[in-house]
N, C-alpha and C. Protein backbone atom coordinates (compact mmCIF):
# COMPACT_ATOMS: atom_id res chain seq x y z
N MET A 1 90.90 159.46 120.64
CA MET A 1 90.75 160.62 119.80
C MET A 1 90.32 161.83 120.63
N SER A 2 89.50 161.58 121.63
CA SER A 2 88.99 162.69 122.43
C SER A 2 90.09 163.38 123.23
N HIS A 3 91.22 162.69 123.46
CA HIS A 3 92.30 163.29 124.22
C HIS A 3 93.27 164.09 123.35
N LEU A 4 93.14 163.99 122.04
CA LEU A 4 94.00 164.78 121.15
C LEU A 4 93.51 166.22 121.18
N PRO A 5 94.41 167.21 121.02
CA PRO A 5 94.04 168.62 121.16
C PRO A 5 92.84 169.05 120.31
N ASP A 6 92.79 168.61 119.05
CA ASP A 6 91.69 168.99 118.16
C ASP A 6 90.87 167.78 117.72
N GLY A 7 90.85 166.74 118.56
CA GLY A 7 90.07 165.54 118.25
C GLY A 7 90.44 164.96 116.90
N PHE A 8 89.42 164.68 116.08
CA PHE A 8 89.65 164.09 114.76
C PHE A 8 90.40 165.04 113.82
N ASP A 9 90.40 166.33 114.12
CA ASP A 9 91.06 167.31 113.26
C ASP A 9 92.51 167.58 113.66
N THR A 10 93.02 166.88 114.64
CA THR A 10 94.40 167.08 115.09
C THR A 10 95.37 166.66 113.99
N ARG A 11 96.33 167.52 113.70
CA ARG A 11 97.38 167.19 112.73
C ARG A 11 98.37 166.28 113.44
N VAL A 12 98.64 165.14 112.83
CA VAL A 12 99.50 164.15 113.48
C VAL A 12 100.85 163.99 112.80
N GLY A 13 101.11 164.77 111.77
CA GLY A 13 102.40 164.69 111.08
C GLY A 13 102.46 163.54 110.10
N ASP A 14 103.54 163.54 109.33
CA ASP A 14 103.75 162.49 108.34
C ASP A 14 103.84 161.13 109.02
N LYS A 15 102.98 160.21 108.63
CA LYS A 15 102.94 158.86 109.20
C LYS A 15 102.77 158.87 110.72
N GLY A 16 102.08 159.89 111.23
CA GLY A 16 101.81 159.95 112.67
C GLY A 16 103.02 160.31 113.49
N SER A 17 103.96 161.05 112.91
CA SER A 17 105.23 161.34 113.59
C SER A 17 105.05 162.13 114.89
N GLN A 18 103.93 162.81 115.04
CA GLN A 18 103.70 163.58 116.26
C GLN A 18 102.92 162.80 117.32
N LEU A 19 102.66 161.54 117.04
CA LEU A 19 101.95 160.69 118.00
C LEU A 19 102.94 159.78 118.72
N SER A 20 102.60 159.41 119.94
CA SER A 20 103.41 158.43 120.66
C SER A 20 103.13 157.05 120.07
N GLY A 21 103.98 156.10 120.38
CA GLY A 21 103.77 154.72 119.93
C GLY A 21 102.44 154.18 120.42
N GLY A 22 102.10 154.49 121.67
CA GLY A 22 100.83 154.04 122.23
C GLY A 22 99.63 154.66 121.52
N GLN A 23 99.73 155.95 121.19
CA GLN A 23 98.64 156.61 120.47
C GLN A 23 98.45 155.99 119.09
N LYS A 24 99.56 155.74 118.39
CA LYS A 24 99.48 155.10 117.07
C LYS A 24 98.82 153.73 117.18
N GLN A 25 99.20 153.00 118.22
CA GLN A 25 98.67 151.64 118.38
C GLN A 25 97.17 151.67 118.68
N ARG A 26 96.74 152.58 119.55
CA ARG A 26 95.31 152.67 119.87
C ARG A 26 94.49 153.06 118.64
N ILE A 27 95.02 153.99 117.84
CA ILE A 27 94.32 154.41 116.63
C ILE A 27 94.25 153.26 115.63
N ALA A 28 95.33 152.51 115.48
CA ALA A 28 95.33 151.37 114.56
C ALA A 28 94.30 150.32 114.97
N ILE A 29 94.19 150.06 116.26
CA ILE A 29 93.20 149.09 116.76
C ILE A 29 91.79 149.60 116.48
N ALA A 30 91.56 150.88 116.78
CA ALA A 30 90.24 151.47 116.54
C ALA A 30 89.87 151.40 115.06
N ARG A 31 90.81 151.71 114.19
CA ARG A 31 90.55 151.66 112.74
C ARG A 31 90.19 150.24 112.31
N ALA A 32 90.90 149.27 112.85
CA ALA A 32 90.62 147.87 112.49
C ALA A 32 89.22 147.46 112.95
N LEU A 33 88.84 147.87 114.15
CA LEU A 33 87.54 147.47 114.69
C LEU A 33 86.38 148.16 113.99
N VAL A 34 86.57 149.41 113.58
CA VAL A 34 85.52 150.16 112.89
C VAL A 34 85.17 149.49 111.57
N ARG A 35 86.14 148.88 110.93
CA ARG A 35 85.91 148.21 109.64
C ARG A 35 85.09 146.92 109.78
N LYS A 36 84.96 146.42 111.00
CA LYS A 36 84.21 145.18 111.29
C LYS A 36 84.63 144.03 110.37
N PRO A 37 85.90 143.67 110.39
CA PRO A 37 86.35 142.58 109.51
C PRO A 37 85.84 141.23 110.00
N LYS A 38 85.70 140.29 109.09
CA LYS A 38 85.31 138.93 109.45
C LYS A 38 86.47 138.18 110.10
N VAL A 39 87.70 138.54 109.71
CA VAL A 39 88.91 137.96 110.30
C VAL A 39 89.78 139.11 110.79
N LEU A 40 90.20 139.03 112.04
CA LEU A 40 91.02 140.08 112.64
C LEU A 40 92.28 139.45 113.20
N LEU A 41 93.44 139.98 112.82
CA LEU A 41 94.72 139.51 113.34
C LEU A 41 95.32 140.60 114.20
N LEU A 42 95.53 140.30 115.47
CA LEU A 42 96.14 141.24 116.41
C LEU A 42 97.51 140.69 116.79
N ASP A 43 98.55 141.33 116.30
CA ASP A 43 99.92 140.88 116.55
C ASP A 43 100.56 141.83 117.54
N GLU A 44 100.68 141.39 118.79
CA GLU A 44 101.23 142.22 119.86
C GLU A 44 100.51 143.57 119.90
N ALA A 45 99.19 143.53 119.87
CA ALA A 45 98.36 144.73 119.70
C ALA A 45 98.51 145.75 120.81
N THR A 46 98.91 145.34 122.00
CA THR A 46 99.03 146.30 123.11
C THR A 46 100.47 146.46 123.58
N SER A 47 101.42 146.05 122.77
CA SER A 47 102.83 146.04 123.21
C SER A 47 103.40 147.43 123.49
N ALA A 48 102.90 148.47 122.82
CA ALA A 48 103.44 149.82 123.02
C ALA A 48 102.67 150.60 124.08
N LEU A 49 101.75 149.94 124.77
CA LEU A 49 100.93 150.63 125.76
C LEU A 49 101.44 150.40 127.17
N ASP A 50 101.27 151.42 128.02
CA ASP A 50 101.57 151.22 129.43
C ASP A 50 100.48 150.34 130.02
N SER A 51 100.68 149.85 131.22
CA SER A 51 99.75 148.86 131.78
C SER A 51 98.35 149.42 131.96
N GLU A 52 98.22 150.70 132.30
CA GLU A 52 96.89 151.29 132.48
C GLU A 52 96.16 151.39 131.15
N SER A 53 96.85 151.88 130.11
CA SER A 53 96.24 151.97 128.78
C SER A 53 95.93 150.59 128.23
N GLU A 54 96.83 149.63 128.49
CA GLU A 54 96.61 148.26 128.03
C GLU A 54 95.31 147.71 128.61
N LYS A 55 95.08 147.95 129.88
CA LYS A 55 93.87 147.44 130.53
C LYS A 55 92.62 148.03 129.89
N ILE A 56 92.64 149.33 129.61
CA ILE A 56 91.49 150.00 129.00
C ILE A 56 91.24 149.45 127.60
N VAL A 57 92.32 149.34 126.81
CA VAL A 57 92.19 148.84 125.44
C VAL A 57 91.73 147.38 125.46
N GLN A 58 92.28 146.59 126.37
CA GLN A 58 91.91 145.17 126.43
C GLN A 58 90.45 144.99 126.80
N GLU A 59 89.95 145.81 127.73
CA GLU A 59 88.53 145.73 128.10
C GLU A 59 87.65 146.08 126.90
N ALA A 60 88.05 147.10 126.14
CA ALA A 60 87.29 147.49 124.95
C ALA A 60 87.33 146.38 123.90
N LEU A 61 88.51 145.80 123.69
CA LEU A 61 88.64 144.69 122.74
C LEU A 61 87.78 143.51 123.16
N ASP A 62 87.80 143.17 124.45
CA ASP A 62 87.00 142.05 124.96
C ASP A 62 85.52 142.27 124.67
N LYS A 63 85.03 143.50 124.88
CA LYS A 63 83.62 143.80 124.62
C LYS A 63 83.28 143.61 123.15
N VAL A 64 84.15 144.11 122.27
CA VAL A 64 83.91 143.98 120.83
C VAL A 64 83.95 142.52 120.41
N LEU A 65 84.93 141.78 120.93
CA LEU A 65 85.09 140.38 120.53
C LEU A 65 83.95 139.50 121.05
N GLU A 66 83.36 139.88 122.20
CA GLU A 66 82.22 139.13 122.75
C GLU A 66 81.01 139.19 121.83
N GLN A 67 80.92 140.25 121.02
CA GLN A 67 79.79 140.40 120.10
C GLN A 67 79.79 139.32 119.03
N GLY A 68 80.93 138.71 118.81
CA GLY A 68 81.03 137.64 117.82
C GLY A 68 81.02 138.17 116.40
N GLY A 69 80.81 137.25 115.47
CA GLY A 69 80.74 137.65 114.08
C GLY A 69 82.10 137.75 113.40
N ARG A 70 83.16 137.38 114.11
CA ARG A 70 84.48 137.44 113.50
C ARG A 70 85.38 136.40 114.14
N THR A 71 86.36 136.01 113.39
CA THR A 71 87.42 135.15 113.90
C THR A 71 88.60 136.04 114.22
N THR A 72 89.10 135.95 115.44
CA THR A 72 90.22 136.78 115.85
C THR A 72 91.38 135.90 116.27
N THR A 73 92.53 136.18 115.69
CA THR A 73 93.77 135.51 116.09
C THR A 73 94.64 136.56 116.76
N THR A 74 95.05 136.28 117.98
CA THR A 74 95.87 137.21 118.74
C THR A 74 97.22 136.59 119.02
N ILE A 75 98.27 137.31 118.66
CA ILE A 75 99.63 136.88 118.96
C ILE A 75 100.11 137.78 120.09
N ALA A 76 100.55 137.18 121.20
CA ALA A 76 100.90 138.00 122.35
C ALA A 76 101.91 137.31 123.25
N HIS A 77 102.72 138.13 123.87
CA HIS A 77 103.60 137.66 124.93
C HIS A 77 103.02 138.04 126.29
N ARG A 78 102.23 139.12 126.33
CA ARG A 78 101.54 139.51 127.56
C ARG A 78 100.29 138.64 127.67
N LEU A 79 100.32 137.72 128.59
CA LEU A 79 99.23 136.75 128.69
C LEU A 79 97.91 137.38 129.10
N SER A 80 97.96 138.54 129.73
CA SER A 80 96.72 139.21 130.11
C SER A 80 95.88 139.56 128.88
N THR A 81 96.52 139.67 127.71
CA THR A 81 95.78 140.03 126.50
C THR A 81 95.08 138.84 125.86
N ILE A 82 95.38 137.62 126.30
CA ILE A 82 94.77 136.45 125.67
C ILE A 82 93.99 135.57 126.64
N GLN A 83 94.00 135.89 127.92
CA GLN A 83 93.41 134.98 128.90
C GLN A 83 91.92 134.76 128.71
N ASN A 84 91.22 135.67 128.04
CA ASN A 84 89.78 135.49 127.80
C ASN A 84 89.49 134.84 126.45
N SER A 85 90.52 134.43 125.73
CA SER A 85 90.33 133.81 124.42
C SER A 85 89.66 132.45 124.55
N ASP A 86 88.91 132.07 123.52
CA ASP A 86 88.25 130.76 123.51
C ASP A 86 89.28 129.64 123.50
N VAL A 87 90.30 129.79 122.67
CA VAL A 87 91.35 128.78 122.54
C VAL A 87 92.70 129.48 122.52
N ILE A 88 93.62 128.96 123.31
CA ILE A 88 94.99 129.49 123.37
C ILE A 88 95.92 128.38 122.90
N ALA A 89 96.81 128.73 121.99
CA ALA A 89 97.82 127.78 121.52
C ALA A 89 99.18 128.26 122.01
N VAL A 90 99.88 127.40 122.73
CA VAL A 90 101.24 127.72 123.18
C VAL A 90 102.18 127.16 122.13
N VAL A 91 102.93 128.05 121.49
CA VAL A 91 103.84 127.66 120.41
C VAL A 91 105.28 127.78 120.91
N SER A 92 106.04 126.74 120.71
CA SER A 92 107.45 126.72 121.07
C SER A 92 108.21 125.97 119.99
N ASP A 93 109.32 126.53 119.56
CA ASP A 93 110.12 125.91 118.50
C ASP A 93 109.29 125.59 117.26
N GLY A 94 108.34 126.48 116.94
CA GLY A 94 107.54 126.33 115.74
C GLY A 94 106.45 125.28 115.82
N GLN A 95 106.21 124.72 117.00
CA GLN A 95 105.19 123.68 117.15
C GLN A 95 104.22 124.05 118.27
N ILE A 96 102.97 123.64 118.10
CA ILE A 96 101.98 123.83 119.16
C ILE A 96 102.26 122.80 120.24
N LYS A 97 102.58 123.31 121.43
CA LYS A 97 102.91 122.42 122.55
C LYS A 97 101.71 122.19 123.47
N GLU A 98 100.86 123.21 123.60
CA GLU A 98 99.67 123.11 124.45
C GLU A 98 98.52 123.85 123.76
N LEU A 99 97.30 123.38 123.99
CA LEU A 99 96.13 123.97 123.35
C LEU A 99 94.95 123.84 124.29
N GLY A 100 94.24 124.96 124.51
CA GLY A 100 93.07 124.92 125.37
C GLY A 100 92.70 126.32 125.84
N SER A 101 91.72 126.40 126.73
CA SER A 101 91.34 127.68 127.33
C SER A 101 92.36 128.03 128.42
N HIS A 102 92.24 129.23 128.93
CA HIS A 102 93.13 129.68 130.02
C HIS A 102 93.07 128.68 131.18
N GLN A 103 91.86 128.33 131.59
CA GLN A 103 91.70 127.40 132.72
C GLN A 103 92.24 126.01 132.40
N ASP A 104 91.97 125.54 131.17
CA ASP A 104 92.47 124.22 130.75
C ASP A 104 94.00 124.18 130.83
N LEU A 105 94.63 125.23 130.33
CA LEU A 105 96.09 125.25 130.28
C LEU A 105 96.70 125.41 131.67
N LEU A 106 96.04 126.16 132.54
CA LEU A 106 96.53 126.25 133.92
C LEU A 106 96.47 124.88 134.59
N ALA A 107 95.39 124.13 134.31
CA ALA A 107 95.22 122.81 134.92
C ALA A 107 96.29 121.82 134.45
N LEU A 108 96.81 122.02 133.23
CA LEU A 108 97.88 121.15 132.72
C LEU A 108 99.18 121.32 133.52
N ASN A 109 99.31 122.52 134.13
CA ASN A 109 100.50 122.83 134.91
C ASN A 109 101.79 122.66 134.09
N GLY A 110 101.71 123.12 132.83
CA GLY A 110 102.84 122.99 131.92
C GLY A 110 103.46 124.33 131.56
N ILE A 111 103.78 124.49 130.29
CA ILE A 111 104.46 125.70 129.80
C ILE A 111 103.64 126.95 130.09
N TYR A 112 102.35 126.92 129.73
CA TYR A 112 101.49 128.08 129.92
C TYR A 112 101.40 128.47 131.39
N ALA A 113 101.19 127.49 132.24
CA ALA A 113 101.10 127.76 133.69
C ALA A 113 102.40 128.37 134.20
N ASP A 114 103.53 127.90 133.70
CA ASP A 114 104.82 128.48 134.08
C ASP A 114 104.92 129.93 133.64
N MET A 115 104.47 130.21 132.41
CA MET A 115 104.52 131.59 131.91
C MET A 115 103.61 132.50 132.71
N VAL A 116 102.43 132.02 133.08
CA VAL A 116 101.51 132.81 133.90
C VAL A 116 102.17 133.13 135.24
N ALA A 117 102.79 132.14 135.85
CA ALA A 117 103.46 132.34 137.14
C ALA A 117 104.59 133.35 137.00
N GLN A 118 105.36 133.26 135.94
CA GLN A 118 106.47 134.20 135.73
C GLN A 118 105.97 135.62 135.54
N GLN A 119 104.92 135.79 134.75
CA GLN A 119 104.40 137.14 134.51
C GLN A 119 103.72 137.70 135.74
N SER A 120 103.10 136.85 136.53
CA SER A 120 102.49 137.31 137.78
C SER A 120 103.56 137.78 138.74
N LEU A 121 104.69 137.08 138.77
CA LEU A 121 105.80 137.48 139.64
C LEU A 121 106.38 138.81 139.21
N GLN A 122 106.44 139.05 137.90
CA GLN A 122 107.01 140.29 137.39
C GLN A 122 106.13 141.48 137.73
N VAL A 123 104.82 141.28 137.83
CA VAL A 123 103.90 142.36 138.14
C VAL A 123 104.01 142.74 139.60
N SER A 124 104.22 141.78 140.47
CA SER A 124 104.25 142.04 141.92
C SER A 124 105.45 142.86 142.33
């Protein structure tokens, strides 16, 4: 909000038409967190963000989620957004194929480990 020309008073157009996809996404996440819900569903929450913005938003999300007091389900293809989760479920063909923490799933050397390796290669 602080980067918008008039902060909270910035006119954003009908349905946020004057905002970028990333700006809309950051505002939606902030609105969800301010409400302090007991259950929070994040579905590809950082998908419209560039990697730098994603890192900033993810760090902020991690801090909020560490406070506890809520159940959070995160759906993501970018594994960097879920690696700090308590439990990760790898779903394929509508079934849970692997379940565990980031470290547990890496140790299995299965689907999740393959996906981590692929995404790490794409970043390099």
